[in-house]
Protein backbone atom coordinates (compact mmCIF):
# COMPACT_ATOMS: atom_id res chain seq x y z
CA UNK A 1 106.09 89.14 89.85
CA UNK A 2 105.72 89.58 93.61
CA UNK A 3 103.36 87.89 95.98
CA UNK A 4 102.15 91.17 97.48
CA UNK A 5 102.16 94.88 96.83
CA UNK A 6 101.93 97.99 99.00
CA UNK A 7 98.70 99.95 98.50
CA UNK A 8 97.19 103.07 100.05
CA UNK A 9 94.96 102.45 103.06
CA UNK A 10 91.29 103.28 102.38
CA UNK A 11 89.80 106.10 104.43
CA UNK A 12 87.88 105.18 107.61
CA UNK A 13 89.49 101.71 107.71
CA UNK A 14 91.74 100.21 110.32
CA UNK A 15 94.06 97.42 109.20
CA UNK A 16 93.76 94.12 111.02
CA UNK A 17 96.68 93.21 113.24
CA UNK A 18 98.54 90.07 112.39
CA UNK A 19 101.40 87.77 113.25
CA UNK A 20 104.31 86.22 111.39
CA UNK A 21 104.45 82.41 111.35
CA UNK A 22 107.82 80.82 110.68
CA UNK A 23 108.30 77.28 109.40
CA UNK A 24 111.42 75.19 108.88
CA UNK A 25 111.10 72.62 106.10
CA UNK A 26 113.20 69.44 106.21
CA UNK A 27 114.23 67.05 103.44
CA UNK A 28 113.95 63.25 103.61
CA UNK A 29 117.20 62.97 105.57
CA UNK A 30 116.05 65.43 108.21
CA UNK A 31 118.31 68.24 107.03
CA UNK A 32 116.92 71.77 106.82
CA UNK A 33 115.91 72.39 103.20
CA UNK A 34 114.28 75.83 103.46
CA UNK A 35 112.86 78.45 105.75
CA UNK A 36 109.36 79.81 105.13
CA UNK A 37 107.47 82.75 106.59
CA UNK A 38 103.77 83.58 106.41
CA UNK A 39 101.88 86.69 107.51
CA UNK A 40 98.48 85.86 109.03
CA UNK A 41 95.87 88.54 109.71
CA UNK A 42 93.95 88.29 112.96
CA UNK A 43 90.50 87.60 111.52
CA UNK A 44 89.02 87.39 115.01
CA UNK A 45 89.67 91.15 115.30
CA UNK A 46 87.43 91.90 112.28
CA UNK A 47 84.28 93.94 112.94
CA UNK A 48 80.94 92.18 112.20
CA UNK A 49 79.90 94.75 109.58
CA UNK A 50 83.12 94.07 107.63
CA UNK A 51 82.47 90.34 107.13
CA UNK A 52 80.97 90.80 103.66
CA UNK A 53 83.85 93.00 102.46
CA UNK A 54 86.39 90.18 102.31
CA UNK A 55 86.73 87.42 99.76
CA UNK A 56 89.19 84.57 100.01
CA UNK A 57 88.25 81.57 97.89
CA UNK A 58 89.74 78.32 99.09
CA UNK A 59 89.17 74.73 98.12
CA UNK A 60 90.52 71.38 99.13
CA UNK A 61 92.70 69.33 96.81
CA UNK A 62 90.11 66.52 96.91
CA UNK A 63 87.34 68.88 95.73
CA UNK A 64 89.45 70.11 92.81
CA UNK A 65 90.31 66.55 91.78
CA UNK A 66 86.62 65.59 91.95
CA UNK A 67 85.61 68.49 89.70
CA UNK A 68 88.35 67.65 87.18
CA UNK A 69 87.32 63.97 87.16
CA UNK A 70 83.63 64.78 86.66
CA UNK A 71 84.44 67.23 83.83
CA UNK A 72 86.59 64.61 82.11
CA UNK A 73 83.89 61.94 82.40
CA UNK A 74 81.27 64.28 80.91
CA UNK A 75 83.60 65.49 78.13
CA UNK A 76 83.50 69.05 79.45
CA UNK A 77 86.16 71.73 79.04
CA UNK A 78 87.61 73.46 82.11
CA UNK A 79 88.81 77.07 82.24
CA UNK A 80 90.80 78.90 84.92
CA UNK A 81 90.82 82.63 85.71
CA UNK A 82 93.26 84.46 87.94
CA UNK A 83 91.25 87.27 89.53
CA UNK A 84 93.10 90.17 91.10
């Protein structure tokens, strides 16, 4: 299972430019524990008419904890879907 896949570019679309961000993670002793890389698209280069064509759901950890707590207090059942 990969984190990304190569797909064909839709017609009449120009991909957004982006940048690689590199991070060095350290352990408690200050030693390097891992290297991480992240590709970030330049959202500021997006055309105004394309704003509704993107969907990236995000939530804060506090919001998720609040929802779980409220569901537990009300005796509700939570479900999770992985949408691709």
